[in-house]
C-alpha atoms as a PDB file:
ATOM      1  CA  MET A   1      94.744 164.897 -22.270  1.00  0.00           C
ATOM      2  CA  ALA A   2      92.874 167.546 -23.583  1.00  0.00           C
ATOM      3  CA  ASP A   3      91.894 170.229 -21.362  1.00  0.00           C
ATOM      4  CA  GLU A   4      88.781 171.891 -20.640  1.00  0.00           C
ATOM      5  CA  PHE A   5      88.967 175.103 -23.090  1.00  0.00           C
ATOM      6  CA  SER A   6      90.758 172.951 -25.911  1.00  0.00           C
ATOM      7  CA  ILE A   7      87.727 170.670 -25.879  1.00  0.00           C
ATOM      8  CA  ILE A   8      85.441 173.935 -26.224  1.00  0.00           C
ATOM      9  CA  GLU A   9      87.263 175.807 -29.052  1.00  0.00           C
ATOM     10  CA  ARG A  10      87.782 172.443 -30.895  1.00  0.00           C
ATOM     11  CA  TYR A  11      84.527 170.800 -30.462  1.00  0.00           C
ATOM     12  CA  PHE A  12      81.679 173.614 -29.414  1.00  0.00           C
ATOM     13  CA  THR A  13      83.169 176.885 -30.764  1.00  0.00           C
ATOM     14  CA  TRP A  14      81.204 177.311 -33.674  1.00  0.00           C
ATOM     15  CA  ASP A  15      81.874 180.163 -36.242  1.00  0.00           C
ATOM     16  CA  ASP A  16      78.490 180.971 -38.115  1.00  0.00           C
ATOM     17  CA  SER A  17      77.282 182.606 -35.297  1.00  0.00           C
ATOM     18  CA  PRO A  18      73.142 184.807 -36.078  1.00  0.00           C
ATOM     19  CA  LYS A  19      73.507 188.581 -35.503  1.00  0.00           C
ATOM     20  CA  SER A  20      71.526 187.843 -32.018  1.00  0.00           C
ATOM     21  CA  VAL A  21      74.479 186.883 -30.733  1.00  0.00           C
ATOM     22  CA  HIS A  22      76.669 189.450 -29.647  1.00  0.00           C
ATOM     23  CA  GLN A  23      79.077 187.571 -27.678  1.00  0.00           C
ATOM     24  CA  GLY A  24      78.517 184.069 -27.444  1.00  0.00           C
ATOM     25  CA  VAL A  25      81.211 181.006 -26.315  1.00  0.00           C
ATOM     26  CA  GLY A  26      85.171 182.412 -24.842  1.00  0.00           C
ATOM     27  CA  ASP A  27      83.690 184.432 -22.653  1.00  0.00           C
ATOM     28  CA  ASP A  28      82.164 184.165 -18.687  1.00  0.00           C
ATOM     29  CA  ALA A  29      78.801 184.518 -19.958  1.00  0.00           C
ATOM     30  CA  ALA A  30      77.514 185.309 -23.367  1.00  0.00           C
ATOM     31  CA  LEU A  31      75.767 188.766 -24.638  1.00  0.00           C
ATOM     32  CA  LEU A  32      72.643 188.172 -26.432  1.00  0.00           C
ATOM     33  CA  ASN A  33      70.941 190.887 -28.400  1.00  0.00           C
ATOM     34  CA  LEU A  34      67.078 190.904 -27.886  1.00  0.00           C
ATOM     35  CA  PRO A  35      64.483 190.687 -30.885  1.00  0.00           C
ATOM     36  CA  LEU A  36      61.238 192.784 -31.332  1.00  0.00           C
ATOM     37  CA  GLU A  37      59.581 194.345 -28.999  1.00  0.00           C
ATOM     38  CA  GLN A  38      56.173 192.589 -28.047  1.00  0.00           C
ATOM     39  CA  GLN A  39      58.034 189.040 -27.680  1.00  0.00           C
ATOM     40  CA  GLN A  40      58.425 186.899 -24.614  1.00  0.00           C
ATOM     41  CA  LEU A  41      61.406 184.924 -23.790  1.00  0.00           C
ATOM     42  CA  VAL A  42      60.772 181.122 -23.460  1.00  0.00           C
ATOM     43  CA  VAL A  43      63.673 178.989 -21.280  1.00  0.00           C
ATOM     44  CA  SER A  44      63.671 175.057 -20.450  1.00  0.00           C
ATOM     45  CA  VAL A  45      66.261 172.582 -19.319  1.00  0.00           C
ATOM     46  CA  ASP A  46      66.731 169.370 -19.608  1.00  0.00           C
ATOM     47  CA  THR A  47      69.239 166.678 -18.235  1.00  0.00           C
ATOM     48  CA  LEU A  48      70.497 163.752 -19.627  1.00  0.00           C
ATOM     49  CA  ILE A  49      72.493 161.098 -17.520  1.00  0.00           C
ATOM     50  CA  SER A  50      74.258 157.419 -19.029  1.00  0.00           C
ATOM     51  CA  GLY A  51      72.141 154.590 -18.102  1.00  0.00           C
ATOM     52  CA  VAL A  52      69.117 156.611 -17.420  1.00  0.00           C
ATOM     53  CA  HIS A  53      67.952 158.577 -20.460  1.00  0.00           C
ATOM     54  CA  PHE A  54      69.208 156.720 -22.912  1.00  0.00           C
ATOM     55  CA  PRO A  55      71.345 153.026 -22.884  1.00  0.00           C
ATOM     56  CA  VAL A  56      74.981 153.291 -21.955  1.00  0.00           C
ATOM     57  CA  GLU A  57      76.391 151.554 -25.121  1.00  0.00           C
ATOM     58  CA  THR A  58      74.247 154.580 -26.832  1.00  0.00           C
ATOM     59  CA  ASN A  59      76.413 156.700 -29.977  1.00  0.00           C
ATOM     60  CA  ALA A  60      77.871 159.848 -29.264  1.00  0.00           C
ATOM     61  CA  HIS A  61      75.691 161.259 -32.217  1.00  0.00           C
ATOM     62  CA  ALA A  62      72.662 159.914 -31.772  1.00  0.00           C
ATOM     63  CA  ILE A  63      72.972 161.457 -27.582  1.00  0.00           C
ATOM     64  CA  ALA A  64      73.600 164.672 -28.888  1.00  0.00           C
ATOM     65  CA  HIS A  65      70.918 164.879 -31.095  1.00  0.00           C
ATOM     66  CA  LYS A  66      68.353 163.760 -28.180  1.00  0.00           C
ATOM     67  CA  ALA A  67      69.676 165.784 -25.721  1.00  0.00           C
ATOM     68  CA  LEU A  68      69.206 168.491 -27.717  1.00  0.00           C
ATOM     69  CA  ALA A  69      65.778 167.561 -29.329  1.00  0.00           C
ATOM     70  CA  VAL A  70      63.914 166.843 -25.777  1.00  0.00           C
ATOM     71  CA  ASN A  71      64.974 171.091 -25.694  1.00  0.00           C
ATOM     72  CA  LEU A  72      63.773 171.850 -28.696  1.00  0.00           C
ATOM     73  CA  SER A  73      60.480 169.967 -28.492  1.00  0.00           C
ATOM     74  CA  ASP A  74      59.671 171.876 -25.383  1.00  0.00           C
ATOM     75  CA  LEU A  75      60.171 174.704 -26.798  1.00  0.00           C
ATOM     76  CA  ALA A  76      57.784 173.480 -29.745  1.00  0.00           C
ATOM     77  CA  ALA A  77      55.285 172.208 -26.962  1.00  0.00           C
ATOM     78  CA  MET A  78      55.010 176.196 -25.769  1.00  0.00           C
ATOM     79  CA  GLY A  79      54.904 177.523 -29.216  1.00  0.00           C
ATOM     80  CA  ALA A  80      58.381 179.117 -29.341  1.00  0.00           C
ATOM     81  CA  GLU A  81      60.808 180.071 -32.040  1.00  0.00           C
ATOM     82  CA  PRO A  82      64.034 178.262 -30.756  1.00  0.00           C
ATOM     83  CA  ALA A  83      67.129 180.965 -30.773  1.00  0.00           C
ATOM     84  CA  TRP A  84      70.088 179.671 -28.327  1.00  0.00           C
ATOM     85  CA  PHE A  85      71.396 177.550 -26.466  1.00  0.00           C
ATOM     86  CA  THR A  86      73.783 176.656 -23.683  1.00  0.00           C
ATOM     87  CA  LEU A  87      75.455 173.371 -23.142  1.00  0.00           C
ATOM     88  CA  SER A  88      77.077 171.495 -19.626  1.00  0.00           C
ATOM     89  CA  LEU A  89      78.560 168.296 -20.508  1.00  0.00           C
ATOM     90  CA  THR A  90      80.197 166.371 -17.746  1.00  0.00           C
ATOM     91  CA  LEU A  91      83.043 163.254 -18.910  1.00  0.00           C
ATOM     92  CA  PRO A  92      84.442 160.288 -17.732  1.00  0.00           C
ATOM     93  CA  ASN A  93      87.321 161.122 -20.310  1.00  0.00           C
ATOM     94  CA  THR A  94      88.414 163.226 -23.134  1.00  0.00           C
ATOM     95  CA  ASP A  95      87.679 160.571 -26.151  1.00  0.00           C
ATOM     96  CA  THR A  96      88.471 162.796 -28.940  1.00  0.00           C
ATOM     97  CA  GLU A  97      86.414 160.462 -31.553  1.00  0.00           C
ATOM     98  CA  TRP A  98      83.273 160.558 -29.205  1.00  0.00           C
ATOM     99  CA  LEU A  99      83.820 164.204 -29.035  1.00  0.00           C
ATOM    100  CA  SER A 100      83.834 164.602 -32.807  1.00  0.00           C
ATOM    101  CA  GLU A 101      80.804 162.605 -33.195  1.00  0.00           C
ATOM    102  CA  PHE A 102      78.644 164.540 -30.368  1.00  0.00           C
ATOM    103  CA  SER A 103      79.678 167.269 -31.533  1.00  0.00           C
ATOM    104  CA  GLU A 104      78.428 167.540 -35.230  1.00  0.00           C
ATOM    105  CA  GLY A 105      75.074 165.528 -34.123  1.00  0.00           C
ATOM    106  CA  LEU A 106      74.475 168.064 -31.981  1.00  0.00           C
ATOM    107  CA  LYS A 107      75.700 170.816 -34.763  1.00  0.00           C
ATOM    108  CA  SER A 108      73.482 168.940 -37.514  1.00  0.00           C
ATOM    109  CA  LEU A 109      70.045 169.461 -35.388  1.00  0.00           C
ATOM    110  CA  ALA A 110      71.104 172.630 -34.453  1.00  0.00           C
ATOM    111  CA  LYS A 111      71.147 174.298 -38.110  1.00  0.00           C
ATOM    112  CA  LEU A 112      68.310 172.151 -38.783  1.00  0.00           C
ATOM    113  CA  HIS A 113      66.077 174.553 -36.499  1.00  0.00           C
ATOM    114  CA  ASN A 114      68.443 177.742 -36.412  1.00  0.00           C
ATOM    115  CA  ILE A 115      68.895 177.650 -32.845  1.00  0.00           C
ATOM    116  CA  PHE A 116      73.009 178.407 -31.761  1.00  0.00           C
ATOM    117  CA  LEU A 117      75.238 177.073 -29.161  1.00  0.00           C
ATOM    118  CA  VAL A 118      76.021 180.119 -26.750  1.00  0.00           C
ATOM    119  CA  GLY A 119      78.123 178.846 -23.566  1.00  0.00           C
ATOM    120  CA  GLY A 120      78.551 176.152 -21.199  1.00  0.00           C
ATOM    121  CA  ASP A 121      80.681 174.304 -19.342  1.00  0.00           C
ATOM    122  CA  THR A 122      82.433 171.093 -19.376  1.00  0.00           C
ATOM    123  CA  CYS A 123      83.619 168.502 -16.077  1.00  0.00           C
ATOM    124  CA  ARG A 124      85.110 165.140 -15.514  1.00  0.00           C
ATOM    125  CA  GLY A 125      82.211 162.601 -13.739  1.00  0.00           C
ATOM    126  CA  LYS A 126      79.902 160.376 -14.907  1.00  0.00           C
ATOM    127  CA  LEU A 127      78.416 160.980 -19.106  1.00  0.00           C
ATOM    128  CA  SER A 128      75.568 163.648 -18.553  1.00  0.00           C
ATOM    129  CA  ILE A 129      74.000 166.015 -20.965  1.00  0.00           C
ATOM    130  CA  THR A 130      72.557 169.305 -19.549  1.00  0.00           C
ATOM    131  CA  ILE A 131      71.295 171.676 -22.064  1.00  0.00           C
ATOM    132  CA  GLN A 132      69.518 174.756 -21.301  1.00  0.00           C
ATOM    133  CA  VAL A 133      66.986 176.157 -24.593  1.00  0.00           C
ATOM    134  CA  MET A 134      65.904 179.727 -24.724  1.00  0.00           C
ATOM    135  CA  GLY A 135      63.261 181.227 -27.772  1.00  0.00           C
ATOM    136  CA  PHE A 136      60.880 183.280 -28.492  1.00  0.00           C
ATOM    137  CA  VAL A 137      57.354 183.911 -28.612  1.00  0.00           C
ATOM    138  CA  LYS A 138      54.753 186.974 -29.560  1.00  0.00           C
ATOM    139  CA  GLN A 139      53.468 187.909 -26.392  1.00  0.00           C
ATOM    140  CA  GLY A 140      50.021 186.899 -25.463  1.00  0.00           C
ATOM    141  CA  LYS A 141      50.602 183.486 -27.861  1.00  0.00           C
ATOM    142  CA  ALA A 142      52.426 180.943 -25.882  1.00  0.00           C
ATOM    143  CA  LEU A 143      50.443 177.674 -25.705  1.00  0.00           C
ATOM    144  CA  LEU A 144      50.530 176.571 -22.155  1.00  0.00           C
ATOM    145  CA  ARG A 145      48.939 173.514 -19.991  1.00  0.00           C
ATOM    146  CA  SER A 146      46.291 175.282 -18.274  1.00  0.00           C
ATOM    147  CA  THR A 147      44.283 176.260 -20.899  1.00  0.00           C
ATOM    148  CA  ALA A 148      42.198 173.646 -21.798  1.00  0.00           C
ATOM    149  CA  GLN A 149      38.306 174.074 -21.705  1.00  0.00           C
ATOM    150  CA  GLN A 150      35.588 171.749 -21.512  1.00  0.00           C
ATOM    151  CA  GLY A 151      34.657 170.432 -24.816  1.00  0.00           C
ATOM    152  CA  ASP A 152      37.819 171.062 -26.753  1.00  0.00           C
ATOM    153  CA  HIS A 153      39.010 168.207 -29.312  1.00  0.00           C
ATOM    154  CA  ILE A 154      42.357 166.397 -28.008  1.00  0.00           C
ATOM    155  CA  TYR A 155      45.060 165.642 -30.858  1.00  0.00           C
ATOM    156  CA  VAL A 156      48.629 164.088 -31.240  1.00  0.00           C
ATOM    157  CA  THR A 157      51.396 164.232 -33.770  1.00  0.00           C
ATOM    158  CA  GLY A 158      52.476 161.500 -35.241  1.00  0.00           C
ATOM    159  CA  THR A 159      52.368 157.578 -33.997  1.00  0.00           C
ATOM    160  CA  LEU A 160      52.922 156.839 -30.185  1.00  0.00           C
ATOM    161  CA  GLY A 161      54.830 154.111 -28.843  1.00  0.00           C
ATOM    162  CA  ASP A 162      57.436 153.319 -31.185  1.00  0.00           C
ATOM    163  CA  ALA A 163      60.561 154.713 -28.737  1.00  0.00           C
ATOM    164  CA  ALA A 164      59.271 152.800 -25.787  1.00  0.00           C
ATOM    165  CA  ALA A 165      59.363 149.373 -28.210  1.00  0.00           C
ATOM    166  CA  GLY A 166      62.901 150.613 -29.051  1.00  0.00           C
ATOM    167  CA  LEU A 167      64.132 150.041 -25.793  1.00  0.00           C
ATOM    168  CA  ALA A 168      62.154 147.037 -24.997  1.00  0.00           C
ATOM    169  CA  VAL A 169      64.334 145.509 -27.648  1.00  0.00           C
ATOM    170  CA  LEU A 170      67.708 146.820 -26.382  1.00  0.00           C
ATOM    171  CA  GLN A 171      66.508 145.561 -23.450  1.00  0.00           C
ATOM    172  CA  ASN A 172      65.377 142.378 -24.309  1.00  0.00           C
ATOM    173  CA  ARG A 173      61.679 142.689 -23.217  1.00  0.00           C
ATOM    174  CA  LEU A 174      60.683 142.797 -26.994  1.00  0.00           C
ATOM    175  CA  PHE A 175      61.465 141.069 -30.162  1.00  0.00           C
ATOM    176  CA  LEU A 176      60.495 142.743 -33.765  1.00  0.00           C
ATOM    177  CA  SER A 177      61.629 141.833 -36.853  1.00  0.00           C
ATOM    178  CA  PRO A 178      65.500 143.592 -38.185  1.00  0.00           C
ATOM    179  CA  GLN A 179      63.265 146.403 -40.339  1.00  0.00           C
ATOM    180  CA  ASP A 180      61.117 146.924 -37.209  1.00  0.00           C
ATOM    181  CA  THR A 181      63.632 146.931 -34.647  1.00  0.00           C
ATOM    182  CA  ALA A 182      65.768 149.561 -36.668  1.00  0.00           C
ATOM    183  CA  GLU A 183      62.193 151.454 -37.071  1.00  0.00           C
ATOM    184  CA  CYS A 184      61.587 151.881 -33.183  1.00  0.00           C
ATOM    185  CA  VAL A 185      65.846 152.091 -31.818  1.00  0.00           C
ATOM    186  CA  SER A 186      65.893 155.077 -34.945  1.00  0.00           C
ATOM    187  CA  LYS A 187      62.482 156.598 -32.846  1.00  0.00           C
ATOM    188  CA  LEU A 188      64.505 156.100 -29.338  1.00  0.00           C
ATOM    189  CA  GLU A 189      68.105 157.435 -30.611  1.00  0.00           C
ATOM    190  CA  TYR A 190      66.900 160.300 -32.763  1.00  0.00           C
ATOM    191  CA  PRO A 191      63.222 161.877 -31.825  1.00  0.00           C
ATOM    192  CA  GLN A 192      62.005 164.699 -34.184  1.00  0.00           C
ATOM    193  CA  PRO A 193      61.039 167.658 -32.596  1.00  0.00           C
ATOM    194  CA  ARG A 194      57.841 169.150 -33.954  1.00  0.00           C
ATOM    195  CA  ASN A 195      58.512 172.681 -34.135  1.00  0.00           C
ATOM    196  CA  SER A 196      57.242 173.372 -37.449  1.00  0.00           C
ATOM    197  CA  MET A 197      54.253 171.944 -36.796  1.00  0.00           C
ATOM    198  CA  SER A 198      53.925 174.402 -33.905  1.00  0.00           C
ATOM    199  CA  ARG A 199      54.101 177.113 -35.711  1.00  0.00           C
ATOM    200  CA  LEU A 200      51.500 175.822 -37.573  1.00  0.00           C
ATOM    201  CA  LEU A 201      48.977 175.455 -34.137  1.00  0.00           C
ATOM    202  CA  GLN A 202      49.243 178.975 -33.477  1.00  0.00           C
ATOM    203  CA  GLY A 203      46.034 180.000 -33.456  1.00  0.00           C
ATOM    204  CA  TYR A 204      44.281 176.848 -33.104  1.00  0.00           C
ATOM    205  CA  ALA A 205      45.468 175.278 -30.204  1.00  0.00           C
ATOM    206  CA  SER A 206      44.240 175.865 -27.092  1.00  0.00           C
ATOM    207  CA  ALA A 207      46.721 174.153 -25.028  1.00  0.00           C
ATOM    208  CA  CYS A 208      49.696 172.066 -25.844  1.00  0.00           C
ATOM    209  CA  ILE A 209      52.429 170.007 -23.928  1.00  0.00           C
ATOM    210  CA  ASP A 210      55.182 167.544 -25.878  1.00  0.00           C
ATOM    211  CA  ILE A 211      54.606 163.864 -24.969  1.00  0.00           C
ATOM    212  CA  SER A 212      58.090 162.880 -22.744  1.00  0.00           C
ATOM    213  CA  ASP A 213      56.782 160.415 -19.984  1.00  0.00           C
ATOM    214  CA  GLY A 214      53.887 159.092 -21.692  1.00  0.00           C
ATOM    215  CA  LEU A 215      50.335 160.012 -23.451  1.00  0.00           C
ATOM    216  CA  LEU A 216      48.742 159.402 -20.258  1.00  0.00           C
ATOM    217  CA  ALA A 217      51.180 161.379 -18.058  1.00  0.00           C
ATOM    218  CA  ASP A 218      51.167 164.130 -20.012  1.00  0.00           C
ATOM    219  CA  LEU A 219      47.710 164.405 -20.601  1.00  0.00           C
ATOM    220  CA  GLN A 220      47.369 164.067 -16.990  1.00  0.00           C
ATOM    221  CA  HIS A 221      49.930 167.442 -16.342  1.00  0.00           C
ATOM    222  CA  ILE A 222      47.134 169.607 -18.645  1.00  0.00           C
ATOM    223  CA  LEU A 223      44.183 168.400 -16.800  1.00  0.00           C
ATOM    224  CA  ASP A 224      45.687 169.172 -13.760  1.00  0.00           C
ATOM    225  CA  ALA A 225      46.666 172.566 -14.861  1.00  0.00           C
ATOM    226  CA  SER A 226      43.365 173.246 -16.786  1.00  0.00           C
ATOM    227  CA  ASN A 227      40.740 171.154 -13.905  1.00  0.00           C
ATOM    228  CA  VAL A 228      39.340 169.649 -16.148  1.00  0.00           C
ATOM    229  CA  GLY A 229      38.980 165.925 -17.476  1.00  0.00           C
ATOM    230  CA  ALA A 230      39.160 163.884 -20.526  1.00  0.00           C
ATOM    231  CA  LYS A 231      37.849 160.962 -22.495  1.00  0.00           C
ATOM    232  CA  ILE A 232      40.159 158.977 -24.824  1.00  0.00           C
ATOM    233  CA  ASN A 233      38.954 156.708 -27.836  1.00  0.00           C
ATOM    234  CA  THR A 234      41.481 153.814 -27.502  1.00  0.00           C
ATOM    235  CA  HIS A 235      40.595 153.133 -30.775  1.00  0.00           C
ATOM    236  CA  THR A 236      42.146 155.941 -32.541  1.00  0.00           C
ATOM    237  CA  ILE A 237      45.356 156.053 -30.707  1.00  0.00           C
ATOM    238  CA  PRO A 238      47.845 155.940 -33.853  1.00  0.00           C
ATOM    239  CA  LEU A 239      50.151 153.126 -34.162  1.00  0.00           C
ATOM    240  CA  SER A 240      53.045 152.430 -36.637  1.00  0.00           C
ATOM    241  CA  SER A 241      53.062 149.773 -38.671  1.00  0.00           C
ATOM    242  CA  ALA A 242      55.427 148.174 -36.445  1.00  0.00           C
ATOM    243  CA  LEU A 243      53.131 148.179 -33.551  1.00  0.00           C
ATOM    244  CA  LYS A 244      50.671 147.082 -35.394  1.00  0.00           C
ATOM    245  CA  LYS A 245      52.193 143.677 -35.840  1.00  0.00           C
ATOM    246  CA  LEU A 246      51.852 143.418 -31.811  1.00  0.00           C
ATOM    247  CA  ASP A 247      49.219 142.208 -29.960  1.00  0.00           C
ATOM    248  CA  HIS A 248      46.777 145.217 -29.413  1.00  0.00           C
ATOM    249  CA  SER A 249      47.073 145.301 -26.051  1.00  0.00           C
ATOM    250  CA  LYS A 250      50.572 145.462 -25.804  1.00  0.00           C
ATOM    251  CA  ALA A 251      50.997 148.054 -27.909  1.00  0.00           C
ATOM    252  CA  LEU A 252      48.401 150.642 -26.701  1.00  0.00           C
ATOM    253  CA  GLU A 253      50.186 149.921 -23.580  1.00  0.00           C
ATOM    254  CA  LEU A 254      53.474 151.103 -25.479  1.00  0.00           C
ATOM    255  CA  ALA A 255      51.669 153.771 -26.929  1.00  0.00           C
ATOM    256  CA  LEU A 256      49.501 155.398 -23.773  1.00  0.00           C
ATOM    257  CA  ILE A 257      52.788 155.237 -21.166  1.00  0.00           C
ATOM    258  CA  GLY A 258      55.704 154.196 -22.876  1.00  0.00           C
ATOM    259  CA  GLY A 259      57.031 157.221 -22.731  1.00  0.00           C
ATOM    260  CA  ASP A 260      60.089 159.030 -25.429  1.00  0.00           C
ATOM    261  CA  ASP A 261      57.980 159.877 -28.123  1.00  0.00           C
ATOM    262  CA  TYR A 262      58.257 163.717 -27.918  1.00  0.00           C
ATOM    263  CA  GLU A 263      55.044 164.460 -30.115  1.00  0.00           C
ATOM    264  CA  LEU A 264      52.802 167.256 -29.094  1.00  0.00           C
ATOM    265  CA  LEU A 265      49.481 166.574 -27.260  1.00  0.00           C
ATOM    266  CA  PHE A 266      47.092 169.530 -27.868  1.00  0.00           C
ATOM    267  CA  THR A 267      44.081 170.697 -27.409  1.00  0.00           C
ATOM    268  CA  ILE A 268      41.549 172.741 -29.709  1.00  0.00           C
ATOM    269  CA  SER A 269      37.845 173.935 -29.824  1.00  0.00           C
ATOM    270  CA  PRO A 270      35.407 172.387 -32.032  1.00  0.00           C
ATOM    271  CA  LEU A 271      34.888 175.561 -33.693  1.00  0.00           C
ATOM    272  CA  LYS A 272      39.414 176.079 -34.489  1.00  0.00           C
ATOM    273  CA  ALA A 273      39.400 171.771 -35.159  1.00  0.00           C
ATOM    274  CA  TYR A 274      36.681 172.436 -37.838  1.00  0.00           C
ATOM    275  CA  GLN A 275      38.940 175.333 -39.404  1.00  0.00           C
ATOM    276  CA  LEU A 276      42.090 173.143 -38.974  1.00  0.00           C
ATOM    277  CA  LYS A 277      40.580 170.383 -41.145  1.00  0.00           C
ATOM    278  CA  PRO A 278      41.501 172.195 -44.779  1.00  0.00           C
ATOM    279  CA  LEU A 279      45.051 172.512 -43.776  1.00  0.00           C
ATOM    280  CA  ILE A 280      45.397 168.996 -42.470  1.00  0.00           C
ATOM    281  CA  ARG A 281      44.167 167.639 -45.706  1.00  0.00           C
ATOM    282  CA  SER A 282      45.966 170.067 -47.650  1.00  0.00           C
ATOM    283  CA  ARG A 283      49.352 169.697 -45.862  1.00  0.00           C
ATOM    284  CA  LYS A 284      48.911 166.112 -45.237  1.00  0.00           C
ATOM    285  CA  LEU A 285      49.589 166.681 -41.780  1.00  0.00           C
ATOM    286  CA  ASN A 286      50.040 163.804 -39.489  1.00  0.00           C
ATOM    287  CA  ILE A 287      48.061 164.676 -36.730  1.00  0.00           C
ATOM    288  CA  ARG A 288      44.741 162.658 -35.109  1.00  0.00           C
ATOM    289  CA  CYS A 289      41.928 163.498 -32.501  1.00  0.00           C
ATOM    290  CA  ILE A 290      42.278 161.010 -30.369  1.00  0.00           C
ATOM    291  CA  GLY A 291      39.252 162.143 -27.487  1.00  0.00           C
ATOM    292  CA  THR A 292      37.721 165.231 -25.883  1.00  0.00           C
ATOM    293  CA  ILE A 293      37.745 167.403 -22.895  1.00  0.00           C
ATOM    294  CA  ASP A 294      34.983 166.938 -20.585  1.00  0.00           C
ATOM    295  CA  GLN A 295      34.088 168.590 -16.852  1.00  0.00           C
ATOM    296  CA  SER A 296      35.342 164.939 -15.384  1.00  0.00           C
ATOM    297  CA  MET A 297      37.763 166.813 -12.921  1.00  0.00           C
ATOM    298  CA  ASN A 298      41.250 165.480 -13.823  1.00  0.00           C
ATOM    299  CA  LYS A 299      40.383 162.053 -14.068  1.00  0.00           C
ATOM    300  CA  ILE A 300      40.927 160.057 -17.965  1.00  0.00           C
ATOM    301  CA  LYS A 301      38.666 157.731 -19.075  1.00  0.00           C
ATOM    302  CA  LEU A 302      39.864 154.949 -21.636  1.00  0.00           C
ATOM    303  CA  HIS A 303      36.939 154.018 -24.273  1.00  0.00           C
ATOM    304  CA  PRO A 304      37.217 150.987 -24.747  1.00  0.00           C
ATOM    305  CA  GLU A 305      38.731 150.266 -20.914  1.00  0.00           C
ATOM    306  CA  ILE A 306      42.066 148.507 -21.318  1.00  0.00           C
ATOM    307  CA  ASN A 307      44.210 147.369 -17.985  1.00  0.00           C
ATOM    308  CA  LEU A 308      47.909 149.207 -17.796  1.00  0.00           C
ATOM    309  CA  PRO A 309      50.169 148.470 -15.086  1.00  0.00           C
ATOM    310  CA  HIS A 310      51.301 152.457 -14.255  1.00  0.00           C
ATOM    311  CA  ASN A 311      50.094 155.640 -15.765  1.00  0.00           C
ATOM    312  CA  GLY A 312      53.582 156.780 -17.316  1.00  0.00           C
ATOM    313  CA  TYR A 313      57.277 157.157 -16.349  1.00  0.00           C
ATOM    314  CA  GLN A 314      58.155 159.068 -12.915  1.00  0.00           C
ATOM    315  CA  HIS A 315      61.657 160.321 -12.895  1.00  0.00           C
ATOM    316  CA  PHE A 316      61.992 159.627  -8.606  1.00  0.00           C
ATOM    317  CA  SER A 317      59.081 156.249  -8.527  1.00  0.00           C
END
């Protein structure tokens, strides 16, 4: 059975380190070269546990992709440029085929977003993956939750509810056509972090968050931090072709509280929204205005109103 150091050497020691990495995997800690002055370091960490954050039968390539993607999404929500990440991997056993697929899934997404693995840890136990990402943003330019203003327009990227639909299918709570099933399960297992969209939003967005626990739950975080309220037009919630085939109330439930979308939810002042429109048209950006920020102090109004079983995923409920 392979030991910890041979696993690290074979699957997680990458030979194409950027100049920013003075010493990466293989020492007690990473030694990193800081970039230009007038930049701030942005750090985020997430843990994914088998049977909690992904179904037990999920393949290793998808697990690795999602573990890194959800962290990249946090950098996108802050408007930060990805730089480095560390990995803590807990394994029940040393399955070489699983490790090879996991390593490939991790590396392929890392290369796509120009982020480099610089260290971590491995140990034995129930399968879990903890990734810490680090990135940079110009000083004073980070996108925050606490800076939404009354009158701002509320936008989202992509479509909502597909990942929740994929999970419901895997759990036999929802039945879709084979094609729609494949698309929704892919959204669940291979979320696409919106880092490139985040770069475009610099100078436009007033506040931002990524949608991990559901649109309403994550919008509430912005409202609480900014001491404002929101009105959402449920007719404007962007739905995929798969969800449009469902009963509309069911589709809206998945989109509003389903979670695992990892799309961006952001606010823009009316003036900035007007200035952004030509960019949306010229680049055919997949973003949509779904409501406005108002003064109703931390409350979300849905128009038309719909009945929902809860407001989103809660980690300890």
